[in-house]
Amino acid sequence: MAVDQTVGVEKVENQAEQQAGQEVRLRIDERNMPSIYANAFRTNGTAEEVMLDFGLNVVQPTNDQQPEILFQVQSRVILTYFSAKRLALTLGQLIRRHEEQFGELELDVSSRRRE
C-alpha cells in the first residue's frame, strides 16, 4: 500500500516538472458569472479549508438610539489553504501596484478625514 502512495506522489511530481516548462493557454468564460458588491467580509477556516464570506455592512437604527450594524452575507467562497495563500499573495501585489500609482491606502478612517 505504501509503495502505491509513493509511486502516486512521484507521478504527480513528474507531471508538475513536465508542465513547469510548458505554456498553457487559459480561456475564461464569464458569461454566467454573477457580480456582487461587498464592503465587508468575514473569514473562517477548518483544518482543510478557508471560508470567505462577502457582504454588506448595513447600519440599522434601533429603539435605544444606538445604531446597530447588520452584516448581510451575500456570497461565500471556499478555498483550500494553498489557493488562499495564492490569493493573499496576488492581492498583496495588486494593492502594492495601486499604492505605487495612487498613494497609500489609509485604513484608519480618522486619518482620512479632511477638516
PDB file of N, CA and C in Angstrom:
ATOM      1  N   MET A   1       0.815  -1.195   0.000  1.00  0.00           N
ATOM      2  CA  MET A   1       0.000   0.000   0.000  1.00  0.00           C
ATOM      3  C   MET A   1       0.861   1.263   0.000  1.00  0.00           C
ATOM      4  N   ALA A   2       1.873   1.309   0.847  1.00  0.00           N
ATOM      5  CA  ALA A   2       2.747   2.483   0.902  1.00  0.00           C
ATOM      6  C   ALA A   2       3.501   2.669  -0.394  1.00  0.00           C
ATOM      7  N   VAL A   3       3.819   1.584  -1.081  1.00  0.00           N
ATOM      8  CA  VAL A   3       4.520   1.674  -2.362  1.00  0.00           C
ATOM      9  C   VAL A   3       3.644   2.384  -3.374  1.00  0.00           C
ATOM     10  N   ASP A   4       2.347   2.063  -3.402  1.00  0.00           N
ATOM     11  CA  ASP A   4       1.426   2.713  -4.340  1.00  0.00           C
ATOM     12  C   ASP A   4       1.350   4.212  -4.072  1.00  0.00           C
ATOM     13  N   GLN A   5       1.318   4.623  -2.809  1.00  0.00           N
ATOM     14  CA  GLN A   5       1.255   6.045  -2.478  1.00  0.00           C
ATOM     15  C   GLN A   5       2.521   6.761  -2.923  1.00  0.00           C
ATOM     16  N   THR A   6       3.674   6.127  -2.726  1.00  0.00           N
ATOM     17  CA  THR A   6       4.946   6.728  -3.138  1.00  0.00           C
ATOM     18  C   THR A   6       4.992   6.880  -4.648  1.00  0.00           C
ATOM     19  N   VAL A   7       4.542   5.859  -5.362  1.00  0.00           N
ATOM     20  CA  VAL A   7       4.511   5.940  -6.828  1.00  0.00           C
ATOM     21  C   VAL A   7       3.581   7.058  -7.259  1.00  0.00           C
ATOM     22  N   GLY A   8       2.439   7.214  -6.582  1.00  0.00           N
ATOM     23  CA  GLY A   8       1.494   8.279  -6.912  1.00  0.00           C
ATOM     24  C   GLY A   8       2.094   9.652  -6.704  1.00  0.00           C
ATOM     25  N   VAL A   9       2.819   9.843  -5.615  1.00  0.00           N
ATOM     26  CA  VAL A   9       3.464  11.128  -5.331  1.00  0.00           C
ATOM     27  C   VAL A   9       4.517  11.427  -6.385  1.00  0.00           C
ATOM     28  N   GLU A  10       5.331  10.405  -6.725  1.00  0.00           N
ATOM     29  CA  GLU A  10       6.359  10.602  -7.751  1.00  0.00           C
ATOM     30  C   GLU A  10       5.730  10.955  -9.090  1.00  0.00           C
ATOM     31  N   LYS A  11       4.607  10.325  -9.419  1.00  0.00           N
ATOM     32  CA  LYS A  11       3.926  10.599 -10.682  1.00  0.00           C
ATOM     33  C   LYS A  11       3.448  12.062 -10.724  1.00  0.00           C
ATOM     34  N   VAL A  12       2.862  12.538  -9.632  1.00  0.00           N
ATOM     35  CA  VAL A  12       2.391  13.928  -9.571  1.00  0.00           C
ATOM     36  C   VAL A  12       3.571  14.890  -9.687  1.00  0.00           C
ATOM     37  N   GLU A  13       4.688  14.588  -8.992  1.00  0.00           N
ATOM     38  CA  GLU A  13       5.867  15.454  -9.070  1.00  0.00           C
ATOM     39  C   GLU A  13       6.429  15.489 -10.483  1.00  0.00           C
ATOM     40  N   ASN A  14       6.451  14.347 -11.163  1.00  0.00           N
ATOM     41  CA  ASN A  14       6.933  14.301 -12.545  1.00  0.00           C
ATOM     42  C   ASN A  14       6.038  15.123 -13.466  1.00  0.00           C
ATOM     43  N   GLN A  15       4.725  15.029 -13.269  1.00  0.00           N
ATOM     44  CA  GLN A  15       3.796  15.814 -14.091  1.00  0.00           C
ATOM     45  C   GLN A  15       4.004  17.301 -13.863  1.00  0.00           C
ATOM     46  N   ALA A  16       4.205  17.689 -12.613  1.00  0.00           N
ATOM     47  CA  ALA A  16       4.430  19.106 -12.297  1.00  0.00           C
ATOM     48  C   ALA A  16       5.707  19.604 -12.955  1.00  0.00           C
ATOM     49  N   GLU A  17       6.765  18.800 -12.930  1.00  0.00           N
ATOM     50  CA  GLU A  17       8.025  19.199 -13.559  1.00  0.00           C
ATOM     51  C   GLU A  17       7.853  19.332 -15.070  1.00  0.00           C
ATOM     52  N   GLN A  18       7.117  18.419 -15.679  1.00  0.00           N
ATOM     53  CA  GLN A  18       6.905  18.472 -17.126  1.00  0.00           C
ATOM     54  C   GLN A  18       6.077  19.699 -17.497  1.00  0.00           C
ATOM     55  N   GLN A  19       5.072  20.019 -16.685  1.00  0.00           N
ATOM     56  CA  GLN A  19       4.194  21.143 -17.000  1.00  0.00           C
ATOM     57  C   GLN A  19       4.853  22.480 -16.716  1.00  0.00           C
ATOM     58  N   ALA A  20       5.863  22.508 -15.844  1.00  0.00           N
ATOM     59  CA  ALA A  20       6.508  23.767 -15.478  1.00  0.00           C
ATOM     60  C   ALA A  20       7.120  24.455 -16.690  1.00  0.00           C
ATOM     61  N   GLY A  21       7.634  23.693 -17.648  1.00  0.00           N
ATOM     62  CA  GLY A  21       8.264  24.282 -18.819  1.00  0.00           C
ATOM     63  C   GLY A  21       7.316  24.486 -19.983  1.00  0.00           C
ATOM     64  N   GLN A  22       6.078  24.025 -19.858  1.00  0.00           N
ATOM     65  CA  GLN A  22       5.128  24.127 -20.964  1.00  0.00           C
ATOM     66  C   GLN A  22       4.267  25.376 -20.831  1.00  0.00           C
ATOM     67  N   GLU A  23       3.929  25.952 -21.971  1.00  0.00           N
ATOM     68  CA  GLU A  23       2.971  27.044 -21.972  1.00  0.00           C
ATOM     69  C   GLU A  23       1.578  26.447 -22.048  1.00  0.00           C
ATOM     70  N   VAL A  24       0.678  27.013 -21.282  1.00  0.00           N
ATOM     71  CA  VAL A  24      -0.700  26.552 -21.264  1.00  0.00           C
ATOM     72  C   VAL A  24      -1.587  27.738 -21.587  1.00  0.00           C
ATOM     73  N   ARG A  25      -2.515  27.535 -22.493  1.00  0.00           N
ATOM     74  CA  ARG A  25      -3.455  28.596 -22.837  1.00  0.00           C
ATOM     75  C   ARG A  25      -4.648  28.504 -21.901  1.00  0.00           C
ATOM     76  N   LEU A  26      -5.025  29.618 -21.295  1.00  0.00           N
ATOM     77  CA  LEU A  26      -6.144  29.683 -20.372  1.00  0.00           C
ATOM     78  C   LEU A  26      -7.272  30.463 -21.022  1.00  0.00           C
ATOM     79  N   ARG A  27      -8.437  29.855 -21.081  1.00  0.00           N
ATOM     80  CA  ARG A  27      -9.628  30.536 -21.579  1.00  0.00           C
ATOM     81  C   ARG A  27     -10.568  30.753 -20.415  1.00  0.00           C
ATOM     82  N   ILE A  28     -11.184  31.922 -20.350  1.00  0.00           N
ATOM     83  CA  ILE A  28     -12.075  32.265 -19.247  1.00  0.00           C
ATOM     84  C   ILE A  28     -13.456  32.570 -19.812  1.00  0.00           C
ATOM     85  N   ASP A  29     -14.460  31.903 -19.262  1.00  0.00           N
ATOM     86  CA  ASP A  29     -15.854  32.113 -19.664  1.00  0.00           C
ATOM     87  C   ASP A  29     -16.570  32.829 -18.527  1.00  0.00           C
ATOM     88  N   GLU A  30     -16.901  34.102 -18.713  1.00  0.00           N
ATOM     89  CA  GLU A  30     -17.563  34.909 -17.687  1.00  0.00           C
ATOM     90  C   GLU A  30     -19.046  35.124 -17.968  1.00  0.00           C
ATOM     91  N   ARG A  31     -19.606  34.390 -18.913  1.00  0.00           N
ATOM     92  CA  ARG A  31     -20.998  34.630 -19.297  1.00  0.00           C
ATOM     93  C   ARG A  31     -21.999  34.383 -18.176  1.00  0.00           C
ATOM     94  N   ASN A  32     -21.762  33.421 -17.316  1.00  0.00           N
ATOM     95  CA  ASN A  32     -22.716  33.081 -16.257  1.00  0.00           C
ATOM     96  C   ASN A  32     -22.240  33.517 -14.871  1.00  0.00           C
ATOM     97  N   MET A  33     -21.339  34.477 -14.830  1.00  0.00           N
ATOM     98  CA  MET A  33     -20.757  34.911 -13.566  1.00  0.00           C
ATOM     99  C   MET A  33     -21.579  36.046 -12.957  1.00  0.00           C
ATOM    100  N   PRO A  34     -22.123  35.831 -11.759  1.00  0.00           N
ATOM    101  CA  PRO A  34     -22.793  36.948 -11.091  1.00  0.00           C
ATOM    102  C   PRO A  34     -21.746  37.865 -10.449  1.00  0.00           C
ATOM    103  N   SER A  35     -22.054  39.135 -10.348  1.00  0.00           N
ATOM    104  CA  SER A  35     -21.171  40.090  -9.678  1.00  0.00           C
ATOM    105  C   SER A  35     -21.916  40.660  -8.479  1.00  0.00           C
ATOM    106  N   ILE A  36     -21.203  40.831  -7.387  1.00  0.00           N
ATOM    107  CA  ILE A  36     -21.779  41.454  -6.203  1.00  0.00           C
ATOM    108  C   ILE A  36     -20.831  42.538  -5.730  1.00  0.00           C
ATOM    109  N   TYR A  37     -21.368  43.492  -4.995  1.00  0.00           N
ATOM    110  CA  TYR A  37     -20.547  44.493  -4.329  1.00  0.00           C
ATOM    111  C   TYR A  37     -20.466  44.102  -2.860  1.00  0.00           C
ATOM    112  N   ALA A  38     -19.300  44.186  -2.276  1.00  0.00           N
ATOM    113  CA  ALA A  38     -19.126  43.890  -0.860  1.00  0.00           C
ATOM    114  C   ALA A  38     -18.302  44.987  -0.210  1.00  0.00           C
ATOM    115  N   ASN A  39     -18.773  45.469   0.940  1.00  0.00           N
ATOM    116  CA  ASN A  39     -17.975  46.424   1.704  1.00  0.00           C
ATOM    117  C   ASN A  39     -17.507  45.800   3.015  1.00  0.00           C
ATOM    118  N   ALA A  40     -17.748  44.484   3.152  1.00  0.00           N
ATOM    119  CA  ALA A  40     -17.324  43.776   4.353  1.00  0.00           C
ATOM    120  C   ALA A  40     -17.077  42.313   4.022  1.00  0.00           C
ATOM    121  N   PHE A  41     -16.274  41.690   4.857  1.00  0.00           N
ATOM    122  CA  PHE A  41     -16.020  40.258   4.685  1.00  0.00           C
ATOM    123  C   PHE A  41     -15.788  39.631   6.049  1.00  0.00           C
ATOM    124  N   ARG A  42     -15.895  38.316   6.078  1.00  0.00           N
ATOM    125  CA  ARG A  42     -15.643  37.541   7.291  1.00  0.00           C
ATOM    126  C   ARG A  42     -14.867  36.305   6.875  1.00  0.00           C
ATOM    127  N   THR A  43     -13.905  35.911   7.677  1.00  0.00           N
ATOM    128  CA  THR A  43     -13.115  34.728   7.356  1.00  0.00           C
ATOM    129  C   THR A  43     -13.312  33.669   8.432  1.00  0.00           C
ATOM    130  N   ASN A  44     -13.181  32.434   8.019  1.00  0.00           N
ATOM    131  CA  ASN A  44     -13.255  31.308   8.926  1.00  0.00           C
ATOM    132  C   ASN A  44     -12.476  30.172   8.293  1.00  0.00           C
ATOM    133  N   GLY A  45     -12.076  29.213   9.080  1.00  0.00           N
ATOM    134  CA  GLY A  45     -11.327  28.116   8.499  1.00  0.00           C
ATOM    135  C   GLY A  45     -11.482  26.834   9.286  1.00  0.00           C
ATOM    136  N   THR A  46     -11.262  25.742   8.588  1.00  0.00           N
ATOM    137  CA  THR A  46     -11.172  24.431   9.207  1.00  0.00           C
ATOM    138  C   THR A  46      -9.739  23.955   9.001  1.00  0.00           C
ATOM    139  N   ALA A  47      -9.476  22.727   9.344  1.00  0.00           N
ATOM    140  CA  ALA A  47      -8.127  22.198   9.142  1.00  0.00           C
ATOM    141  C   ALA A  47      -7.780  22.096   7.666  1.00  0.00           C
ATOM    142  N   GLU A  48      -8.784  22.042   6.792  1.00  0.00           N
ATOM    143  CA  GLU A  48      -8.538  21.812   5.370  1.00  0.00           C
ATOM    144  C   GLU A  48      -8.980  22.931   4.453  1.00  0.00           C
ATOM    145  N   GLU A  49      -9.850  23.831   4.924  1.00  0.00           N
ATOM    146  CA  GLU A  49     -10.425  24.835   4.024  1.00  0.00           C
ATOM    147  C   GLU A  49     -10.503  26.203   4.682  1.00  0.00           C
ATOM    148  N   VAL A  50     -10.510  27.218   3.835  1.00  0.00           N
ATOM    149  CA  VAL A  50     -10.704  28.601   4.242  1.00  0.00           C
ATOM    150  C   VAL A  50     -12.042  29.058   3.665  1.00  0.00           C
ATOM    151  N   MET A  51     -12.852  29.694   4.490  1.00  0.00           N
ATOM    152  CA  MET A  51     -14.133  30.219   4.024  1.00  0.00           C
ATOM    153  C   MET A  51     -14.108  31.742   4.079  1.00  0.00           C
ATOM    154  N   LEU A  52     -14.482  32.368   2.995  1.00  0.00           N
ATOM    155  CA  LEU A  52     -14.559  33.821   2.903  1.00  0.00           C
ATOM    156  C   LEU A  52     -16.019  34.183   2.625  1.00  0.00           C
ATOM    157  N   ASP A  53     -16.616  34.930   3.537  1.00  0.00           N
ATOM    158  CA  ASP A  53     -17.980  35.424   3.340  1.00  0.00           C
ATOM    159  C   ASP A  53     -17.884  36.891   2.948  1.00  0.00           C
ATOM    160  N   PHE A  54     -18.609  37.270   1.913  1.00  0.00           N
ATOM    161  CA  PHE A  54     -18.627  38.647   1.437  1.00  0.00           C
ATOM    162  C   PHE A  54     -20.047  39.184   1.543  1.00  0.00           C
ATOM    163  N   GLY A  55     -20.165  40.469   1.884  1.00  0.00           N
ATOM    164  CA  GLY A  55     -21.489  41.052   2.001  1.00  0.00           C
ATOM    165  C   GLY A  55     -21.425  42.528   2.297  1.00  0.00           C
ATOM    166  N   LEU A  56     -22.534  43.016   2.863  1.00  0.00           N
ATOM    167  CA  LEU A  56     -22.681  44.444   3.136  1.00  0.00           C
ATOM    168  C   LEU A  56     -22.873  44.691   4.621  1.00  0.00           C
ATOM    169  N   ASN A  57     -22.183  45.699   5.130  1.00  0.00           N
ATOM    170  CA  ASN A  57     -22.474  46.217   6.462  1.00  0.00           C
ATOM    171  C   ASN A  57     -23.562  47.265   6.290  1.00  0.00           C
ATOM    172  N   VAL A  58     -24.692  47.053   6.931  1.00  0.00           N
ATOM    173  CA  VAL A  58     -25.828  47.962   6.822  1.00  0.00           C
ATOM    174  C   VAL A  58     -26.146  48.501   8.213  1.00  0.00           C
ATOM    175  N   VAL A  59     -26.130  49.826   8.368  1.00  0.00           N
ATOM    176  CA  VAL A  59     -26.441  50.453   9.647  1.00  0.00           C
ATOM    177  C   VAL A  59     -27.957  50.506   9.793  1.00  0.00           C
ATOM    178  N   GLN A  60     -28.430  49.974  10.916  1.00  0.00           N
ATOM    179  CA  GLN A  60     -29.868  49.969  11.180  1.00  0.00           C
ATOM    180  C   GLN A  60     -30.144  50.705  12.480  1.00  0.00           C
ATOM    181  N   PRO A  61     -31.136  51.593  12.468  1.00  0.00           N
ATOM    182  CA  PRO A  61     -31.482  52.275  13.723  1.00  0.00           C
ATOM    183  C   PRO A  61     -32.171  51.289  14.672  1.00  0.00           C
ATOM    184  N   THR A  62     -32.017  51.544  15.959  1.00  0.00           N
ATOM    185  CA  THR A  62     -32.685  50.727  16.964  1.00  0.00           C
ATOM    186  C   THR A  62     -33.505  51.638  17.871  1.00  0.00           C
ATOM    187  N   ASN A  63     -34.328  51.057  18.712  1.00  0.00           N
ATOM    188  CA  ASN A  63     -35.185  51.842  19.604  1.00  0.00           C
ATOM    189  C   ASN A  63     -34.419  52.577  20.679  1.00  0.00           C
ATOM    190  N   ASP A  64     -33.231  52.096  21.039  1.00  0.00           N
ATOM    191  CA  ASP A  64     -32.484  52.729  22.126  1.00  0.00           C
ATOM    192  C   ASP A  64     -31.478  53.768  21.621  1.00  0.00           C
ATOM    193  N   GLN A  65     -31.662  54.276  20.443  1.00  0.00           N
ATOM    194  CA  GLN A  65     -30.855  55.350  19.859  1.00  0.00           C
ATOM    195  C   GLN A  65     -29.423  54.943  19.513  1.00  0.00           C
ATOM    196  N   GLN A  66     -29.050  53.716  19.803  1.00  0.00           N
ATOM    197  CA  GLN A  66     -27.707  53.263  19.436  1.00  0.00           C
ATOM    198  C   GLN A  66     -27.822  52.439  18.157  1.00  0.00           C
ATOM    199  N   PRO A  67     -27.216  52.910  17.063  1.00  0.00           N
ATOM    200  CA  PRO A  67     -27.340  52.170  15.805  1.00  0.00           C
ATOM    201  C   PRO A  67     -26.689  50.796  15.892  1.00  0.00           C
ATOM    202  N   GLU A  68     -27.170  49.917  15.058  1.00  0.00           N
ATOM    203  CA  GLU A  68     -26.656  48.555  15.008  1.00  0.00           C
ATOM    204  C   GLU A  68     -26.215  48.269  13.586  1.00  0.00           C
ATOM    205  N   ILE A  69     -25.117  47.555  13.438  1.00  0.00           N
ATOM    206  CA  ILE A  69     -24.650  47.186  12.105  1.00  0.00           C
ATOM    207  C   ILE A  69     -25.037  45.742  11.845  1.00  0.00           C
ATOM    208  N   LEU A  70     -25.696  45.516  10.737  1.00  0.00           N
ATOM    209  CA  LEU A  70     -26.088  44.176  10.311  1.00  0.00           C
ATOM    210  C   LEU A  70     -25.203  43.774   9.137  1.00  0.00           C
ATOM    211  N   PHE A  71     -24.526  42.650   9.258  1.00  0.00           N
ATOM    212  CA  PHE A  71     -23.696  42.126   8.166  1.00  0.00           C
ATOM    213  C   PHE A  71     -24.561  41.181   7.341  1.00  0.00           C
ATOM    214  N   GLN A  72     -24.925  41.621   6.149  1.00  0.00           N
ATOM    215  CA  GLN A  72     -25.740  40.809   5.241  1.00  0.00           C
ATOM    216  C   GLN A  72     -24.809  40.010   4.341  1.00  0.00           C
ATOM    217  N   VAL A  73     -24.652  38.717   4.628  1.00  0.00           N
ATOM    218  CA  VAL A  73     -23.769  37.863   3.838  1.00  0.00           C
ATOM    219  C   VAL A  73     -24.455  37.575   2.503  1.00  0.00           C
ATOM    220  N   GLN A  74     -23.742  37.850   1.410  1.00  0.00           N
ATOM    221  CA  GLN A  74     -24.294  37.655   0.076  1.00  0.00           C
ATOM    222  C   GLN A  74     -23.644  36.516  -0.683  1.00  0.00           C
ATOM    223  N   SER A  75     -22.394  36.191  -0.317  1.00  0.00           N
ATOM    224  CA  SER A  75     -21.676  35.180  -1.082  1.00  0.00           C
ATOM    225  C   SER A  75     -20.611  34.540  -0.210  1.00  0.00           C
ATOM    226  N   ARG A  76     -20.391  33.254  -0.410  1.00  0.00           N
ATOM    227  CA  ARG A  76     -19.334  32.536   0.308  1.00  0.00           C
ATOM    228  C   ARG A  76     -18.428  31.857  -0.708  1.00  0.00           C
ATOM    229  N   VAL A  77     -17.118  32.004  -0.492  1.00  0.00           N
ATOM    230  CA  VAL A  77     -16.123  31.329  -1.314  1.00  0.00           C
ATOM    231  C   VAL A  77     -15.342  30.401  -0.391  1.00  0.00           C
ATOM    232  N   ILE A  78     -15.214  29.146  -0.788  1.00  0.00           N
ATOM    233  CA  ILE A  78     -14.476  28.165  -0.005  1.00  0.00           C
ATOM    234  C   ILE A  78     -13.237  27.774  -0.801  1.00  0.00           C
ATOM    235  N   LEU A  79     -12.070  27.892  -0.154  1.00  0.00           N
ATOM    236  CA  LEU A  79     -10.789  27.639  -0.814  1.00  0.00           C
ATOM    237  C   LEU A  79      -9.960  26.651  -0.003  1.00  0.00           C
ATOM    238  N   THR A  80      -9.033  25.984  -0.680  1.00  0.00           N
ATOM    239  CA  THR A  80      -8.006  25.253   0.043  1.00  0.00           C
ATOM    240  C   THR A  80      -7.024  26.285   0.587  1.00  0.00           C
ATOM    241  N   TYR A  81      -6.227  25.899   1.550  1.00  0.00           N
ATOM    242  CA  TYR A  81      -5.230  26.830   2.078  1.00  0.00           C
ATOM    243  C   TYR A  81      -4.195  27.201   1.020  1.00  0.00           C
ATOM    244  N   PHE A  82      -3.908  26.300   0.089  1.00  0.00           N
ATOM    245  CA  PHE A  82      -2.972  26.617  -0.996  1.00  0.00           C
ATOM    246  C   PHE A  82      -3.536  27.730  -1.878  1.00  0.00           C
ATOM    247  N   SER A  83      -4.821  27.601  -2.247  1.00  0.00           N
ATOM    248  CA  SER A  83      -5.450  28.640  -3.066  1.00  0.00           C
ATOM    249  C   SER A  83      -5.573  29.940  -2.288  1.00  0.00           C
ATOM    250  N   ALA A  84      -5.876  29.845  -0.999  1.00  0.00           N
ATOM    251  CA  ALA A  84      -5.988  31.053  -0.174  1.00  0.00           C
ATOM    252  C   ALA A  84      -4.654  31.785  -0.096  1.00  0.00           C
ATOM    253  N   LYS A  85      -3.557  31.052  -0.001  1.00  0.00           N
ATOM    254  CA  LYS A  85      -2.249  31.691   0.043  1.00  0.00           C
ATOM    255  C   LYS A  85      -1.933  32.360  -1.283  1.00  0.00           C
ATOM    256  N   ARG A  86      -2.253  31.688  -2.385  1.00  0.00           N
ATOM    257  CA  ARG A  86      -2.030  32.317  -3.702  1.00  0.00           C
ATOM    258  C   ARG A  86      -2.882  33.573  -3.844  1.00  0.00           C
ATOM    259  N   LEU A  87      -4.116  33.533  -3.350  1.00  0.00           N
ATOM    260  CA  LEU A  87      -4.987  34.710  -3.389  1.00  0.00           C
ATOM    261  C   LEU A  87      -4.394  35.841  -2.552  1.00  0.00           C
ATOM    262  N   ALA A  88      -3.913  35.526  -1.354  1.00  0.00           N
ATOM    263  CA  ALA A  88      -3.325  36.551  -0.481  1.00  0.00           C
ATOM    264  C   ALA A  88      -2.116  37.209  -1.142  1.00  0.00           C
ATOM    265  N   LEU A  89      -1.254  36.411  -1.756  1.00  0.00           N
ATOM    266  CA  LEU A  89      -0.076  36.967  -2.433  1.00  0.00           C
ATOM    267  C   LEU A  89      -0.487  37.833  -3.623  1.00  0.00           C
ATOM    268  N   THR A  90      -1.456  37.374  -4.386  1.00  0.00           N
ATOM    269  CA  THR A  90      -1.919  38.131  -5.554  1.00  0.00           C
ATOM    270  C   THR A  90      -2.562  39.443  -5.134  1.00  0.00           C
ATOM    271  N   LEU A  91      -3.385  39.427  -4.084  1.00  0.00           N
ATOM    272  CA  LEU A  91      -3.997  40.664  -3.600  1.00  0.00           C
ATOM    273  C   LEU A  91      -2.939  41.631  -3.083  1.00  0.00           C
ATOM    274  N   GLY A  92      -1.917  41.114  -2.403  1.00  0.00           N
ATOM    275  CA  GLY A  92      -0.828  41.966  -1.924  1.00  0.00           C
ATOM    276  C   GLY A  92      -0.121  42.671  -3.067  1.00  0.00           C
ATOM    277  N   GLN A  93       0.150  41.950  -4.152  1.00  0.00           N
ATOM    278  CA  GLN A  93       0.802  42.546  -5.322  1.00  0.00           C
ATOM    279  C   GLN A  93      -0.103  43.589  -5.975  1.00  0.00           C
ATOM    280  N   LEU A  94      -1.390  43.283  -6.072  1.00  0.00           N
ATOM    281  CA  LEU A  94      -2.346  44.211  -6.682  1.00  0.00           C
ATOM    282  C   LEU A  94      -2.429  45.515  -5.878  1.00  0.00           C
ATOM    283  N   ILE A  95      -2.500  45.398  -4.569  1.00  0.00           N
ATOM    284  CA  ILE A  95      -2.586  46.581  -3.713  1.00  0.00           C
ATOM    285  C   ILE A  95      -1.282  47.374  -3.752  1.00  0.00           C
ATOM    286  N   ARG A  96      -0.157  46.695  -3.758  1.00  0.00           N
ATOM    287  CA  ARG A  96       1.144  47.375  -3.841  1.00  0.00           C
ATOM    288  C   ARG A  96       1.233  48.205  -5.122  1.00  0.00           C
ATOM    289  N   ARG A  97       0.811  47.645  -6.252  1.00  0.00           N
ATOM    290  CA  ARG A  97       0.839  48.396  -7.522  1.00  0.00           C
ATOM    291  C   ARG A  97      -0.100  49.595  -7.466  1.00  0.00           C
ATOM    292  N   HIS A  98      -1.287  49.415  -6.870  1.00  0.00           N
ATOM    293  CA  HIS A  98      -2.240  50.522  -6.754  1.00  0.00           C
ATOM    294  C   HIS A  98      -1.643  51.650  -5.913  1.00  0.00           C
ATOM    295  N   GLU A  99      -1.024  51.309  -4.788  1.00  0.00           N
ATOM    296  CA  GLU A  99      -0.454  52.332  -3.921  1.00  0.00           C
ATOM    297  C   GLU A  99       0.742  53.022  -4.560  1.00  0.00           C
ATOM    298  N   GLU A 100       1.498  52.308  -5.360  1.00  0.00           N
ATOM    299  CA  GLU A 100       2.612  52.946  -6.076  1.00  0.00           C
ATOM    300  C   GLU A 100       2.087  53.998  -7.051  1.00  0.00           C
ATOM    301  N   GLN A 101       0.938  53.735  -7.648  1.00  0.00           N
ATOM    302  CA  GLN A 101       0.383  54.656  -8.631  1.00  0.00           C
ATOM    303  C   GLN A 101      -0.433  55.775  -7.990  1.00  0.00           C
ATOM    304  N   PHE A 102      -1.197  55.467  -6.928  1.00  0.00           N
ATOM    305  CA  PHE A 102      -2.145  56.442  -6.388  1.00  0.00           C
ATOM    306  C   PHE A 102      -1.863  56.868  -4.947  1.00  0.00           C
ATOM    307  N   GLY A 103      -0.878  56.282  -4.289  1.00  0.00           N
ATOM    308  CA  GLY A 103      -0.590  56.617  -2.903  1.00  0.00           C
ATOM    309  C   GLY A 103      -1.134  55.576  -1.943  1.00  0.00           C
ATOM    310  N   GLU A 104      -0.662  55.679  -0.716  1.00  0.00           N
ATOM    311  CA  GLU A 104      -1.010  54.685   0.302  1.00  0.00           C
ATOM    312  C   GLU A 104      -2.495  54.708   0.631  1.00  0.00           C
ATOM    313  N   LEU A 105      -3.062  53.540   0.792  1.00  0.00           N
ATOM    314  CA  LEU A 105      -4.449  53.399   1.227  1.00  0.00           C
ATOM    315  C   LEU A 105      -4.452  53.425   2.756  1.00  0.00           C
ATOM    316  N   GLU A 106      -5.022  54.462   3.327  1.00  0.00           N
ATOM    317  CA  GLU A 106      -5.057  54.626   4.780  1.00  0.00           C
ATOM    318  C   GLU A 106      -6.268  53.890   5.336  1.00  0.00           C
ATOM    319  N   LEU A 107      -6.038  52.892   6.181  1.00  0.00           N
ATOM    320  CA  LEU A 107      -7.133  52.103   6.739  1.00  0.00           C
ATOM    321  C   LEU A 107      -7.798  52.776   7.935  1.00  0.00           C
ATOM    322  N   ASP A 108      -7.083  53.659   8.623  1.00  0.00           N
ATOM    323  CA  ASP A 108      -7.653  54.372   9.762  1.00  0.00           C
ATOM    324  C   ASP A 108      -8.547  55.495   9.247  1.00  0.00           C
ATOM    325  N   VAL A 109      -9.845  55.350   9.480  1.00  0.00           N
ATOM    326  CA  VAL A 109     -10.811  56.323   8.947  1.00  0.00           C
ATOM    327  C   VAL A 109     -10.531  57.726   9.459  1.00  0.00           C
ATOM    328  N   SER A 110     -10.161  57.864  10.715  1.00  0.00           N
ATOM    329  CA  SER A 110      -9.923  59.201  11.270  1.00  0.00           C
ATOM    330  C   SER A 110      -8.723  59.881  10.605  1.00  0.00           C
ATOM    331  N   SER A 111      -7.782  59.110  10.097  1.00  0.00           N
ATOM    332  CA  SER A 111      -6.621  59.690   9.396  1.00  0.00           C
ATOM    333  C   SER A 111      -6.998  60.175   8.001  1.00  0.00           C
ATOM    334  N   ARG A 112      -8.085  59.658   7.461  1.00  0.00           N
ATOM    335  CA  ARG A 112      -8.506  60.063   6.111  1.00  0.00           C
ATOM    336  C   ARG A 112      -9.363  61.310   6.115  1.00  0.00           C
ATOM    337  N   ARG A 113      -9.827  61.732   7.272  1.00  0.00           N
ATOM    338  CA  ARG A 113     -10.725  62.903   7.358  1.00  0.00           C
ATOM    339  C   ARG A 113     -10.018  64.173   6.961  1.00  0.00           C
ATOM    340  N   ARG A 114     -10.714  64.960   6.213  1.00  0.00           N
ATOM    341  CA  ARG A 114     -10.210  66.296   5.855  1.00  0.00           C
ATOM    342  C   ARG A 114     -11.079  67.324   6.550  1.00  0.00           C
ATOM    343  N   GLU A 115     -10.453  68.202   7.271  1.00  0.00           N
ATOM    344  CA  GLU A 115     -11.231  69.182   8.038  1.00  0.00           C
ATOM    345  C   GLU A 115     -11.161  70.532   7.430  1.00  0.00           C
TER     346      GLU A 115
END
